[in-house]
């Protein structure tokens, strides 16, 4: 082998003695053609982890974990697969182009996320109860297609689907935390909506949101999102940004709502420059993202105390990032989804037109503490002078 030749992941793994490496973590004893040891990933009183020197693979028959030497180090050290590979490459002096491999892995994970999204969409067409839920909410077939709305049927069908394509794909998807080590889908029996980030001329699926179709399930959250991972960071993402961005740029205005179905409804009736934080906790990072494209933000959160409080918190972040904020009152509906269904595009436009600058509204209501807090968030000196005079 040439001293300058860079190895692929497969070639690098072949250069590592799996028995020697795992023996540096756990005690292994030969048992026939294989080696046995106590699994470090569960309470293992009798050795249930088997290592095949010939196949260069390990498997625990107690907790069902398994894989190659890199996967073992990744799990044991609680680091990513690529971090474990980098560590082993340095330890065994293996010349591997980690940057290229990381780029390939990133391409693969987006491919997997797209496969999962397509799987959910296909499953929606097969489930009458889920389809009926979507229809009863007044969501059109065009919106289902545009937003990629789908359904997760049960615990294990997705895992079986991915492993049927590639074991590597299943392992990659497990790293997103949307499916556990045993292949159990966290979104089971929920309507599932992909969450995308805008990337150049395309959009990439980075996570999912799920909504129960049976509200009678007690002690179960109605909505859940993907957990934060190397791919998904809730505080930096906005639902609907992939579809809304061209319209936000065109108008230099953005409408902020709370939920997935609020976005879907407004988009469906022709209000396209609308996005939602993933929950009521709007962040500084989300405000900074919007400030690149918009000068005005309309806050149309739910018509309850939580929504009104969330509007005030979001305003601080938006104002500090240079946006002018208008508060949209929902007097005749509980949320934008219901309002849009009742009154359509013209009704929403009427609300936007009648909305008030949030600082001026607080001053008119003599809510001086809130008004001063919002004013103190202003960065522009000229705007600061104008509001202080008021």
Protein backbone atom coordinates (compact mmCIF):
# COMPACT_ATOMS: atom_id res chain seq x y z
CA UNK A 1 0.00 0.00 0.00
CA UNK A 2 1.30 3.45 -0.97
CA UNK A 3 2.18 5.60 2.03
CA UNK A 4 0.17 8.47 0.52
CA UNK A 5 -2.96 6.48 -0.28
CA UNK A 6 -6.07 7.60 1.58
CA UNK A 7 -8.31 4.82 2.85
CA UNK A 8 -12.08 4.53 2.66
CA UNK A 9 -14.06 3.84 5.85
CA UNK A 10 -14.31 0.15 4.92
CA UNK A 11 -10.55 -0.12 4.28
CA UNK A 12 -9.75 1.70 7.53
CA UNK A 13 -12.00 -0.60 9.58
CA UNK A 14 -10.27 -3.65 8.08
CA UNK A 15 -7.00 -2.23 9.43
CA UNK A 16 -8.27 -2.38 13.04
CA UNK A 17 -8.19 -5.60 15.05
CA UNK A 18 -11.70 -5.62 16.57
CA UNK A 19 -10.78 -8.14 19.29
CA UNK A 20 -7.75 -6.13 20.38
CA UNK A 21 -9.67 -2.85 20.38
CA UNK A 22 -12.74 -4.13 22.28
CA UNK A 23 -10.41 -5.87 24.77
CA UNK A 24 -9.13 -2.41 25.74
CA UNK A 25 -12.68 -1.67 26.98
CA UNK A 26 -14.04 -5.03 28.23
CA UNK A 27 -12.67 -8.46 29.07
CA UNK A 28 -13.11 -10.94 26.22
CA UNK A 29 -12.71 -14.72 26.32
CA UNK A 30 -12.58 -17.05 23.36
CA UNK A 31 -15.65 -19.24 22.86
CA UNK A 32 -15.30 -21.41 19.78
CA UNK A 33 -14.70 -19.24 16.71
CA UNK A 34 -15.84 -16.07 18.51
CA UNK A 35 -15.13 -14.13 21.70
CA UNK A 36 -17.57 -13.42 24.54
CA UNK A 37 -17.71 -10.57 27.05
CA UNK A 38 -20.11 -8.75 29.35
CA UNK A 39 -21.96 -6.02 27.45
CA UNK A 40 -21.23 -2.51 28.83
CA UNK A 41 -24.48 -1.11 27.42
CA UNK A 42 -26.87 -2.87 29.80
CA UNK A 43 -26.77 -4.71 33.14
CA UNK A 44 -25.13 -7.91 31.93
CA UNK A 45 -24.58 -10.56 34.62
CA UNK A 46 -23.56 -13.25 32.13
CA UNK A 47 -21.51 -12.55 28.99
CA UNK A 48 -23.95 -11.83 26.16
CA UNK A 49 -21.74 -9.78 23.81
CA UNK A 50 -20.21 -11.83 21.01
CA UNK A 51 -17.31 -10.67 18.81
CA UNK A 52 -16.59 -12.27 15.44
CA UNK A 53 -12.94 -11.88 14.51
CA UNK A 54 -13.64 -13.23 11.05
CA UNK A 55 -16.52 -10.84 10.28
CA UNK A 56 -15.01 -7.95 12.30
CA UNK A 57 -18.42 -7.39 13.92
CA UNK A 58 -19.88 -7.54 17.42
CA UNK A 59 -23.40 -8.26 18.66
CA UNK A 60 -25.05 -8.27 22.08
CA UNK A 61 -27.84 -10.82 22.41
CA UNK A 62 -29.08 -9.16 25.59
CA UNK A 63 -29.78 -5.60 24.44
CA UNK A 64 -29.62 -6.20 20.66
CA UNK A 65 -26.91 -3.58 20.07
CA UNK A 66 -24.21 -4.39 17.57
CA UNK A 67 -22.06 -3.22 14.67
CA UNK A 68 -18.45 -2.70 13.71
CA UNK A 69 -15.54 -1.58 15.88
CA UNK A 70 -16.30 2.11 15.20
CA UNK A 71 -19.89 1.69 16.39
CA UNK A 72 -18.67 0.11 19.66
CA UNK A 73 -16.28 2.99 20.39
CA UNK A 74 -18.99 5.50 19.43
CA UNK A 75 -21.46 3.99 21.92
CA UNK A 76 -18.91 3.42 24.70
CA UNK A 77 -17.37 6.92 24.49
CA UNK A 78 -20.77 8.56 23.80
CA UNK A 79 -19.43 10.27 20.67
CA UNK A 80 -20.60 10.32 17.05
CA UNK A 81 -19.64 7.63 14.57
CA UNK A 82 -17.35 10.04 12.71
CA UNK A 83 -15.69 11.19 15.94
CA UNK A 84 -15.05 7.55 16.87
CA UNK A 85 -13.61 6.88 13.41
CA UNK A 86 -11.33 9.91 13.75
CA UNK A 87 -10.13 8.68 17.16
CA UNK A 88 -9.37 5.18 15.84
CA UNK A 89 -7.68 6.53 12.71
CA UNK A 90 -5.31 8.57 14.88
CA UNK A 91 -4.69 5.65 17.27
CA UNK A 92 -3.80 3.19 14.51
CA UNK A 93 -2.17 5.75 12.19
CA UNK A 94 -4.66 5.10 9.38
CA UNK A 95 -4.55 7.66 6.53
CA UNK A 96 -8.24 8.43 5.97
CA UNK A 97 -9.82 11.52 4.41
CA UNK A 98 -12.28 12.24 7.21
CA UNK A 99 -13.56 15.43 5.60
CA UNK A 100 -14.65 13.55 2.48
CA UNK A 101 -16.22 10.77 4.54
CA UNK A 102 -18.09 13.30 6.69
CA UNK A 103 -19.43 15.00 3.56
CA UNK A 104 -20.60 11.66 2.18
CA UNK A 105 -22.25 10.80 5.49
CA UNK A 106 -24.04 14.18 5.48
CA UNK A 107 -25.34 13.48 1.97
CA UNK A 108 -26.51 10.05 3.13
CA UNK A 109 -28.41 11.38 6.15
CA UNK A 110 -30.36 13.86 4.01
CA UNK A 111 -31.12 11.02 1.60
CA UNK A 112 -32.41 8.95 4.52
CA UNK A 113 -34.54 11.82 5.87
CA UNK A 114 -36.13 12.21 2.45
CA UNK A 115 -36.81 8.47 2.28
CA UNK A 116 -38.49 8.60 5.70
CA UNK A 117 -40.60 11.58 4.68
CA UNK A 118 -41.74 9.75 1.53
CA UNK A 119 -42.49 6.65 3.61
CA UNK A 120 -44.79 8.64 5.92
CA UNK A 121 -46.58 10.23 2.95
CA UNK A 122 -47.22 6.82 1.41
CA UNK A 123 -48.52 5.48 4.74
CA UNK A 124 -51.04 8.32 4.98
CA UNK A 125 -52.70 7.13 1.77
CA UNK A 126 -53.10 3.63 3.29
CA UNK A 127 -54.72 4.66 6.58
CA UNK A 128 -58.42 5.71 6.40
CA UNK A 129 -58.47 7.07 9.97
CA UNK A 130 -55.45 9.31 9.38
CA UNK A 131 -56.77 10.45 6.00
CA UNK A 132 -60.14 11.26 7.55
CA UNK A 133 -58.42 13.35 10.24
CA UNK A 134 -56.65 15.41 7.56
CA UNK A 135 -59.85 15.85 5.55
CA UNK A 136 -61.87 16.87 8.65
CA UNK A 137 -59.30 19.58 9.37
CA UNK A 138 -60.01 21.01 5.91
CA UNK A 139 -56.50 20.38 4.59
CA UNK A 140 -56.48 20.10 0.81
CA UNK A 141 -54.70 17.40 -1.16
CA UNK A 142 -52.49 20.15 -2.61
CA UNK A 143 -51.41 21.21 0.91
CA UNK A 144 -50.76 17.58 1.86
CA UNK A 145 -48.43 17.33 -1.11
CA UNK A 146 -46.75 20.73 -0.66
CA UNK A 147 -46.01 20.21 3.04
CA UNK A 148 -45.30 16.47 2.70
CA UNK A 149 -47.88 15.54 5.35
CA UNK A 150 -47.79 11.85 6.26
CA UNK A 151 -48.57 9.28 8.93
CA UNK A 152 -46.57 6.90 11.11
CA UNK A 153 -48.47 3.60 11.38
CA UNK A 154 -46.79 1.69 14.25
CA UNK A 155 -43.63 1.13 16.26
CA UNK A 156 -41.52 -0.88 13.86
CA UNK A 157 -42.69 -0.52 10.26
CA UNK A 158 -40.34 2.39 9.53
CA UNK A 159 -37.34 0.51 10.95
CA UNK A 160 -38.18 -2.53 8.85
CA UNK A 161 -38.52 -0.28 5.79
CA UNK A 162 -35.09 1.31 6.28
CA UNK A 163 -33.26 -1.91 7.15
CA UNK A 164 -34.79 -3.45 4.02
CA UNK A 165 -32.98 -0.79 1.98
CA UNK A 166 -29.71 -0.64 3.92
CA UNK A 167 -28.55 -1.43 7.48
CA UNK A 168 -26.36 1.67 7.17
CA UNK A 169 -29.44 3.82 6.52
CA UNK A 170 -31.15 2.44 9.62
CA UNK A 171 -28.07 3.17 11.74
CA UNK A 172 -27.88 6.71 10.34
CA UNK A 173 -31.54 7.34 11.13
CA UNK A 174 -31.11 6.05 14.68
CA UNK A 175 -28.47 8.75 15.16
CA UNK A 176 -31.20 11.40 14.69
CA UNK A 177 -33.03 10.06 17.80
CA UNK A 178 -36.30 9.79 15.81
CA UNK A 179 -36.11 6.03 16.20
CA UNK A 180 -34.56 4.20 19.12
CA UNK A 181 -31.89 1.50 19.20
CA UNK A 182 -34.57 -1.17 18.86
CA UNK A 183 -36.12 0.45 15.79
CA UNK A 184 -39.16 1.94 17.53
CA UNK A 185 -40.53 5.06 15.82
CA UNK A 186 -41.23 7.92 18.27
CA UNK A 187 -43.96 9.30 15.97
CA UNK A 188 -46.09 6.15 15.89
CA UNK A 189 -49.81 6.72 15.25
CA UNK A 190 -49.33 10.42 14.60
CA UNK A 191 -49.82 12.69 11.62
CA UNK A 192 -46.23 13.54 10.68
CA UNK A 193 -45.03 16.73 9.02
CA UNK A 194 -41.44 17.15 7.81
CA UNK A 195 -39.49 20.15 9.11
CA UNK A 196 -37.15 21.55 6.51
CA UNK A 197 -34.39 24.10 6.39
CA UNK A 198 -33.90 26.26 3.32
CA UNK A 199 -30.57 25.47 1.66
CA UNK A 200 -29.76 27.44 -1.48
CA UNK A 201 -32.27 26.60 -4.19
CA UNK A 202 -33.41 23.45 -2.39
CA UNK A 203 -34.81 22.50 1.02
CA UNK A 204 -33.63 19.68 3.23
CA UNK A 205 -35.65 17.61 5.70
CA UNK A 206 -33.93 17.84 9.10
CA UNK A 207 -36.66 16.62 11.44
CA UNK A 208 -40.36 15.94 11.93
CA UNK A 209 -43.32 17.11 13.96
CA UNK A 210 -46.07 14.72 15.01
CA UNK A 211 -49.70 15.25 16.02
CA UNK A 212 -51.93 12.66 17.69
CA UNK A 213 -55.08 11.87 15.73
CA UNK A 214 -56.81 10.57 18.85
CA UNK A 215 -57.23 13.37 21.42
CA UNK A 216 -58.55 10.90 23.99
CA UNK A 217 -55.09 9.46 24.64
CA UNK A 218 -54.42 10.72 28.15
CA UNK A 219 -50.98 11.59 29.55
CA UNK A 220 -49.62 11.73 25.99
CA UNK A 221 -48.43 15.02 24.46
CA UNK A 222 -50.67 16.11 21.59
CA UNK A 223 -47.67 17.43 19.64
CA UNK A 224 -44.04 16.30 19.61
CA UNK A 225 -40.99 17.34 17.60
CA UNK A 226 -37.78 15.55 16.77
CA UNK A 227 -35.29 15.72 19.64
CA UNK A 228 -32.29 18.01 19.24
CA UNK A 229 -29.43 16.22 17.50
CA UNK A 230 -26.48 16.88 15.19
CA UNK A 231 -29.10 17.43 12.45
CA UNK A 232 -32.00 19.10 14.24
CA UNK A 233 -31.84 22.19 16.45
CA UNK A 234 -35.30 23.47 17.32
CA UNK A 235 -34.05 26.89 18.42
CA UNK A 236 -32.58 27.64 14.99
CA UNK A 237 -35.38 26.36 12.76
CA UNK A 238 -38.72 27.74 11.61
CA UNK A 239 -41.48 25.56 10.26
CA UNK A 240 -42.52 26.53 6.74
CA UNK A 241 -39.42 28.62 6.00
CA UNK A 242 -38.67 26.57 2.87
CA UNK A 243 -42.00 27.54 1.26
CA UNK A 244 -42.32 31.02 2.78
CA UNK A 245 -38.86 32.44 2.08
CA UNK A 246 -39.47 33.75 -1.47
CA UNK A 247 -42.60 35.58 -0.27
CA UNK A 248 -40.88 36.96 2.84
CA UNK A 249 -38.08 38.32 0.66
CA UNK A 250 -40.56 39.83 -1.78
CA UNK A 251 -42.68 41.60 0.85
CA UNK A 252 -39.92 42.09 3.45
CA UNK A 253 -42.64 41.04 5.89
CA UNK A 254 -43.19 37.85 7.84
CA UNK A 255 -46.21 36.50 9.71
CA UNK A 256 -45.40 34.44 12.79
CA UNK A 257 -47.91 31.87 14.05
CA UNK A 258 -47.61 29.11 16.65
CA UNK A 259 -48.34 25.78 15.01
CA UNK A 260 -47.88 23.62 11.95
CA UNK A 261 -51.54 23.70 11.00
CA UNK A 262 -51.67 27.49 11.37
CA UNK A 263 -48.94 27.70 8.72
CA UNK A 264 -50.66 25.13 6.50
CA UNK A 265 -54.02 26.92 6.73
CA UNK A 266 -52.72 30.40 5.91
CA UNK A 267 -50.56 29.06 3.08
CA UNK A 268 -53.58 27.17 1.72
CA UNK A 269 -55.77 30.31 1.58
CA UNK A 270 -53.06 32.32 -0.15
CA UNK A 271 -51.09 33.93 2.72
CA UNK A 272 -47.64 32.59 1.88
CA UNK A 273 -45.14 34.60 3.96
CA UNK A 274 -45.89 32.67 7.16
CA UNK A 275 -43.70 30.58 9.47
CA UNK A 276 -43.90 29.11 12.96
CA UNK A 277 -41.41 28.50 15.75
CA UNK A 278 -41.46 24.89 16.91
CA UNK A 279 -43.48 25.66 20.04
CA UNK A 280 -44.19 28.99 21.74
CA UNK A 281 -40.57 29.61 22.68
CA UNK A 282 -39.35 31.92 19.91
CA UNK A 283 -35.57 32.40 20.08
CA UNK A 284 -32.92 34.99 19.35
CA UNK A 285 -31.48 32.70 16.63
CA UNK A 286 -34.86 32.53 14.88
CA UNK A 287 -35.24 36.30 15.04
CA UNK A 288 -31.75 36.76 13.60
CA UNK A 289 -32.63 34.44 10.71
CA UNK A 290 -35.79 36.42 9.88
CA UNK A 291 -33.99 39.77 10.15
CA UNK A 292 -31.96 38.83 7.06
CA UNK A 293 -35.09 38.91 4.92
CA UNK A 294 -37.81 40.93 6.67
CA UNK A 295 -38.25 44.40 8.15
CA UNK A 296 -41.73 43.86 9.61
CA UNK A 297 -43.06 40.95 11.67
CA UNK A 298 -46.75 40.32 12.34
CA UNK A 299 -47.36 38.22 15.44
CA UNK A 300 -50.49 36.08 15.12
CA UNK A 301 -50.19 33.68 18.04
CA UNK A 302 -53.08 31.78 19.64
CA UNK A 303 -55.87 33.72 21.34
CA UNK A 304 -55.06 32.60 24.89
CA UNK A 305 -52.83 33.79 27.73
CA UNK A 306 -49.96 31.53 26.64
CA UNK A 307 -50.11 32.93 23.12
CA UNK A 308 -50.23 36.54 24.33
CA UNK A 309 -47.28 36.02 26.67
CA UNK A 310 -45.35 34.28 23.88
CA UNK A 311 -46.01 37.29 21.61
CA UNK A 312 -44.37 39.64 24.10
CA UNK A 313 -41.34 37.38 24.52
CA UNK A 314 -40.94 37.01 20.76
CA UNK A 315 -41.22 40.78 20.30
CA UNK A 316 -38.13 41.40 22.41
CA UNK A 317 -36.02 39.18 20.14
CA UNK A 318 -37.49 40.58 16.94
CA UNK A 319 -37.13 44.22 17.97
CA UNK A 320 -33.53 43.67 19.13
CA UNK A 321 -32.79 42.34 15.65
CA UNK A 322 -34.18 45.44 13.97
CA UNK A 323 -37.70 44.35 13.01
CA UNK A 324 -40.80 46.45 13.52
CA UNK A 325 -43.41 44.28 15.27
CA UNK A 326 -47.18 44.39 14.88
CA UNK A 327 -49.53 42.45 17.15
CA UNK A 328 -52.47 40.80 15.36
CA UNK A 329 -55.51 40.24 17.58
CA UNK A 330 -57.61 37.09 17.06
CA UNK A 331 -60.95 38.05 18.56
CA UNK A 332 -63.18 35.63 16.66
CA UNK A 333 -61.16 32.40 16.72
CA UNK A 334 -58.86 30.48 19.03
CA UNK A 335 -55.96 30.32 16.53
CA UNK A 336 -55.01 31.31 12.95
CA UNK A 337 -56.00 27.87 11.65
CA UNK A 338 -59.60 28.35 12.82
CA UNK A 339 -59.67 32.00 11.75
CA UNK A 340 -58.41 31.23 8.25
CA UNK A 341 -60.94 28.42 7.86
CA UNK A 342 -63.81 30.74 8.91
CA UNK A 343 -62.89 34.00 7.21
CA UNK A 344 -60.44 33.12 4.44
CA UNK A 345 -57.71 35.26 2.91
CA UNK A 346 -59.70 38.52 3.01
CA UNK A 347 -60.38 38.10 6.72
CA UNK A 348 -56.68 37.56 7.48
CA UNK A 349 -55.68 40.58 5.35
CA UNK A 350 -58.22 42.67 7.25
CA UNK A 351 -56.64 41.63 10.55
CA UNK A 352 -53.15 42.43 9.33
CA UNK A 353 -54.26 45.86 8.14
CA UNK A 354 -55.86 46.69 11.50
CA UNK A 355 -52.93 45.41 13.60
CA UNK A 356 -50.96 47.82 15.77
CA UNK A 357 -47.30 48.45 16.42
CA UNK A 358 -46.77 46.47 19.63
CA UNK A 359 -44.88 49.24 21.43
CA UNK A 360 -47.47 51.89 20.57
CA UNK A 361 -50.24 49.55 21.68
CA UNK A 362 -48.59 49.00 25.07
CA UNK A 363 -48.15 52.76 25.47
CA UNK A 364 -51.83 53.34 24.63
CA UNK A 365 -52.82 50.70 27.20
CA UNK A 366 -50.52 52.41 29.72
CA UNK A 367 -48.55 49.17 30.15
CA UNK A 368 -45.42 51.20 30.79
CA UNK A 369 -43.31 48.36 32.19
CA UNK A 370 -43.83 46.23 29.09
CA UNK A 371 -43.45 49.22 26.76
CA UNK A 372 -40.15 50.23 28.36
CA UNK A 373 -38.85 46.65 28.17
CA UNK A 374 -39.63 46.56 24.45
CA UNK A 375 -38.16 50.02 23.86
CA UNK A 376 -34.96 48.99 25.65
CA UNK A 377 -34.57 46.22 23.05
CA UNK A 378 -34.33 48.71 20.17
CA UNK A 379 -30.88 48.95 18.61
CA UNK A 380 -31.52 51.74 16.07
CA UNK A 381 -30.77 55.14 17.75
CA UNK A 382 -33.34 57.04 15.65
CA UNK A 383 -36.16 54.60 16.47
CA UNK A 384 -35.12 54.72 20.12
CA UNK A 385 -35.49 58.52 20.20
CA UNK A 386 -38.91 58.40 18.49
CA UNK A 387 -40.36 55.89 20.97
CA UNK A 388 -38.84 57.59 24.01
CA UNK A 389 -40.49 60.85 22.96
CA UNK A 390 -43.85 59.08 22.81
